[in-house]
């Protein structure tokens, strides 16, 4: 039964509560970075902006050409897959913790102090 206390300072005076509740109908806290649909594309986009991941991806692509193949194709892909999988698990668990915390904050009782 914890209360969240909100001090509005937006300069608007709402004479009609119904108008205010319609204006702020989706008022909630959201600190998560991903959704179910954007997790994989956004995660891969962020990971391949890192120079090390881009280097290993370049090696994987280069090894698919038989003229420049140094190692087996699968062995070259292994470090990149391990790093991406570990980062994916870490980001998913962090984002899920943020989602659970946001849900508890958004479902908590709120007291609003107004002038």
C-alpha atoms as a PDB file:
ATOM      1  CA  UNK A   1       0.000   0.000   0.000  1.00  0.00           C
ATOM      2  CA  UNK A   2       2.674   2.469  -0.957  1.00  0.00           C
ATOM      3  CA  UNK A   3       1.513   5.783  -2.315  1.00  0.00           C
ATOM      4  CA  UNK A   4       3.157   7.634  -5.132  1.00  0.00           C
ATOM      5  CA  UNK A   5       3.009  11.391  -4.615  1.00  0.00           C
ATOM      6  CA  UNK A   6       2.825  13.614  -7.685  1.00  0.00           C
ATOM      7  CA  UNK A   7       3.307  17.380  -7.655  1.00  0.00           C
ATOM      8  CA  UNK A   8       2.030  18.766 -10.962  1.00  0.00           C
ATOM      9  CA  UNK A   9       3.688  21.927 -12.145  1.00  0.00           C
ATOM     10  CA  UNK A  10       2.484  22.257 -15.701  1.00  0.00           C
ATOM     11  CA  UNK A  11       0.785  25.628 -15.405  1.00  0.00           C
ATOM     12  CA  UNK A  12      -2.625  24.306 -16.495  1.00  0.00           C
ATOM     13  CA  UNK A  13      -5.626  24.510 -14.252  1.00  0.00           C
ATOM     14  CA  UNK A  14      -8.195  21.841 -15.006  1.00  0.00           C
ATOM     15  CA  UNK A  15     -11.693  22.977 -14.175  1.00  0.00           C
ATOM     16  CA  UNK A  16     -13.212  19.818 -15.506  1.00  0.00           C
ATOM     17  CA  UNK A  17     -11.811  16.505 -14.257  1.00  0.00           C
ATOM     18  CA  UNK A  18     -13.296  14.615 -17.205  1.00  0.00           C
ATOM     19  CA  UNK A  19     -11.406  16.810 -19.677  1.00  0.00           C
ATOM     20  CA  UNK A  20      -8.170  16.282 -17.751  1.00  0.00           C
ATOM     21  CA  UNK A  21      -8.600  12.509 -17.580  1.00  0.00           C
ATOM     22  CA  UNK A  22      -9.216  12.339 -21.333  1.00  0.00           C
ATOM     23  CA  UNK A  23      -6.186  14.511 -22.049  1.00  0.00           C
ATOM     24  CA  UNK A  24      -3.910  12.354 -19.883  1.00  0.00           C
ATOM     25  CA  UNK A  25      -5.597   8.989 -20.465  1.00  0.00           C
ATOM     26  CA  UNK A  26      -2.356   7.136 -21.285  1.00  0.00           C
ATOM     27  CA  UNK A  27      -0.283   8.817 -18.595  1.00  0.00           C
ATOM     28  CA  UNK A  28       2.184   6.180 -17.402  1.00  0.00           C
ATOM     29  CA  UNK A  29       5.853   5.624 -16.784  1.00  0.00           C
ATOM     30  CA  UNK A  30       7.770   3.647 -19.405  1.00  0.00           C
ATOM     31  CA  UNK A  31      11.515   3.159 -19.133  1.00  0.00           C
ATOM     32  CA  UNK A  32      11.798   0.035 -21.286  1.00  0.00           C
ATOM     33  CA  UNK A  33      13.798   0.185 -24.465  1.00  0.00           C
ATOM     34  CA  UNK A  34      12.250  -2.676 -26.438  1.00  0.00           C
ATOM     35  CA  UNK A  35       8.874  -4.143 -27.320  1.00  0.00           C
ATOM     36  CA  UNK A  36       8.129  -7.675 -28.508  1.00  0.00           C
ATOM     37  CA  UNK A  37       8.205  -6.564 -32.139  1.00  0.00           C
ATOM     38  CA  UNK A  38      11.228  -4.280 -32.030  1.00  0.00           C
ATOM     39  CA  UNK A  39      13.558  -6.346 -29.839  1.00  0.00           C
ATOM     40  CA  UNK A  40      15.487  -8.265 -32.497  1.00  0.00           C
ATOM     41  CA  UNK A  41      15.859  -5.502 -35.139  1.00  0.00           C
ATOM     42  CA  UNK A  42      16.723  -2.803 -32.623  1.00  0.00           C
ATOM     43  CA  UNK A  43      19.095  -5.097 -30.731  1.00  0.00           C
ATOM     44  CA  UNK A  44      20.969  -6.096 -33.894  1.00  0.00           C
ATOM     45  CA  UNK A  45      21.107  -2.474 -35.036  1.00  0.00           C
ATOM     46  CA  UNK A  46      22.694  -1.418 -31.752  1.00  0.00           C
ATOM     47  CA  UNK A  47      25.105  -4.352 -31.634  1.00  0.00           C
ATOM     48  CA  UNK A  48      26.449  -3.830 -35.140  1.00  0.00           C
ATOM     49  CA  UNK A  49      27.244  -0.221 -34.338  1.00  0.00           C
ATOM     50  CA  UNK A  50      29.989  -1.589 -32.117  1.00  0.00           C
ATOM     51  CA  UNK A  51      33.297  -1.914 -33.895  1.00  0.00           C
ATOM     52  CA  UNK A  52      34.202  -5.323 -32.461  1.00  0.00           C
ATOM     53  CA  UNK A  53      30.928  -6.937 -33.544  1.00  0.00           C
ATOM     54  CA  UNK A  54      31.230  -5.359 -36.963  1.00  0.00           C
ATOM     55  CA  UNK A  55      34.767  -6.753 -37.302  1.00  0.00           C
ATOM     56  CA  UNK A  56      33.661 -10.308 -36.467  1.00  0.00           C
ATOM     57  CA  UNK A  57      30.715  -9.973 -38.856  1.00  0.00           C
ATOM     58  CA  UNK A  58      33.135  -8.908 -41.593  1.00  0.00           C
ATOM     59  CA  UNK A  59      35.242 -12.014 -40.884  1.00  0.00           C
ATOM     60  CA  UNK A  60      32.168 -14.226 -41.101  1.00  0.00           C
ATOM     61  CA  UNK A  61      31.174 -12.741 -44.452  1.00  0.00           C
ATOM     62  CA  UNK A  62      34.741 -12.988 -45.738  1.00  0.00           C
ATOM     63  CA  UNK A  63      34.985 -16.666 -44.799  1.00  0.00           C
ATOM     64  CA  UNK A  64      31.979 -17.544 -46.954  1.00  0.00           C
ATOM     65  CA  UNK A  65      34.128 -16.944 -50.048  1.00  0.00           C
ATOM     66  CA  UNK A  66      36.229 -20.046 -50.811  1.00  0.00           C
ATOM     67  CA  UNK A  67      39.158 -18.005 -52.163  1.00  0.00           C
ATOM     68  CA  UNK A  68      39.839 -16.282 -48.819  1.00  0.00           C
ATOM     69  CA  UNK A  69      38.538 -18.935 -46.414  1.00  0.00           C
ATOM     70  CA  UNK A  70      40.986 -19.360 -43.530  1.00  0.00           C
ATOM     71  CA  UNK A  71      38.914 -21.296 -40.987  1.00  0.00           C
ATOM     72  CA  UNK A  72      35.775 -23.324 -41.310  1.00  0.00           C
ATOM     73  CA  UNK A  73      32.720 -21.136 -41.727  1.00  0.00           C
ATOM     74  CA  UNK A  74      31.070 -22.377 -38.547  1.00  0.00           C
ATOM     75  CA  UNK A  75      34.151 -21.735 -36.397  1.00  0.00           C
ATOM     76  CA  UNK A  76      34.326 -18.126 -37.560  1.00  0.00           C
ATOM     77  CA  UNK A  77      30.659 -17.578 -36.702  1.00  0.00           C
ATOM     78  CA  UNK A  78      31.015 -18.977 -33.180  1.00  0.00           C
ATOM     79  CA  UNK A  79      32.574 -15.929 -31.394  1.00  0.00           C
ATOM     80  CA  UNK A  80      30.054 -13.553 -32.932  1.00  0.00           C
ATOM     81  CA  UNK A  81      27.104 -15.773 -32.035  1.00  0.00           C
ATOM     82  CA  UNK A  82      28.324 -16.231 -28.448  1.00  0.00           C
ATOM     83  CA  UNK A  83      28.820 -12.503 -27.909  1.00  0.00           C
ATOM     84  CA  UNK A  84      25.467 -11.600 -29.496  1.00  0.00           C
ATOM     85  CA  UNK A  85      23.625 -14.289 -27.537  1.00  0.00           C
ATOM     86  CA  UNK A  86      25.137 -13.186 -24.222  1.00  0.00           C
ATOM     87  CA  UNK A  87      24.318  -9.538 -24.939  1.00  0.00           C
ATOM     88  CA  UNK A  88      20.803 -10.479 -26.036  1.00  0.00           C
ATOM     89  CA  UNK A  89      20.126 -12.365 -22.806  1.00  0.00           C
ATOM     90  CA  UNK A  90      21.524  -9.501 -20.729  1.00  0.00           C
ATOM     91  CA  UNK A  91      19.481  -6.840 -22.542  1.00  0.00           C
ATOM     92  CA  UNK A  92      16.309  -8.931 -22.405  1.00  0.00           C
ATOM     93  CA  UNK A  93      16.582  -9.528 -18.657  1.00  0.00           C
ATOM     94  CA  UNK A  94      17.360  -5.863 -17.966  1.00  0.00           C
ATOM     95  CA  UNK A  95      14.434  -4.714 -20.068  1.00  0.00           C
ATOM     96  CA  UNK A  96      12.103  -7.224 -18.410  1.00  0.00           C
ATOM     97  CA  UNK A  97      13.161  -5.960 -14.957  1.00  0.00           C
ATOM     98  CA  UNK A  98      12.449  -2.403 -16.081  1.00  0.00           C
ATOM     99  CA  UNK A  99       9.047  -3.530 -17.398  1.00  0.00           C
ATOM    100  CA  UNK A 100       8.146  -5.165 -14.068  1.00  0.00           C
ATOM    101  CA  UNK A 101       9.275  -2.102 -12.102  1.00  0.00           C
ATOM    102  CA  UNK A 102       7.309   0.231 -14.400  1.00  0.00           C
ATOM    103  CA  UNK A 103       4.249  -1.958 -13.963  1.00  0.00           C
ATOM    104  CA  UNK A 104       4.446  -1.756 -10.169  1.00  0.00           C
ATOM    105  CA  UNK A 105       4.887   2.021 -10.305  1.00  0.00           C
ATOM    106  CA  UNK A 106       2.013   2.477 -12.753  1.00  0.00           C
ATOM    107  CA  UNK A 107      -0.348   0.327 -10.695  1.00  0.00           C
ATOM    108  CA  UNK A 108       0.474   2.027  -7.396  1.00  0.00           C
ATOM    109  CA  UNK A 109      -1.942   4.409  -5.730  1.00  0.00           C
ATOM    110  CA  UNK A 110      -1.270   8.054  -6.445  1.00  0.00           C
ATOM    111  CA  UNK A 111      -1.920  11.223  -4.511  1.00  0.00           C
ATOM    112  CA  UNK A 112      -1.859  14.409  -6.532  1.00  0.00           C
ATOM    113  CA  UNK A 113      -1.207  17.654  -4.731  1.00  0.00           C
ATOM    114  CA  UNK A 114      -2.519  20.729  -6.483  1.00  0.00           C
ATOM    115  CA  UNK A 115      -2.342  24.360  -5.511  1.00  0.00           C
END
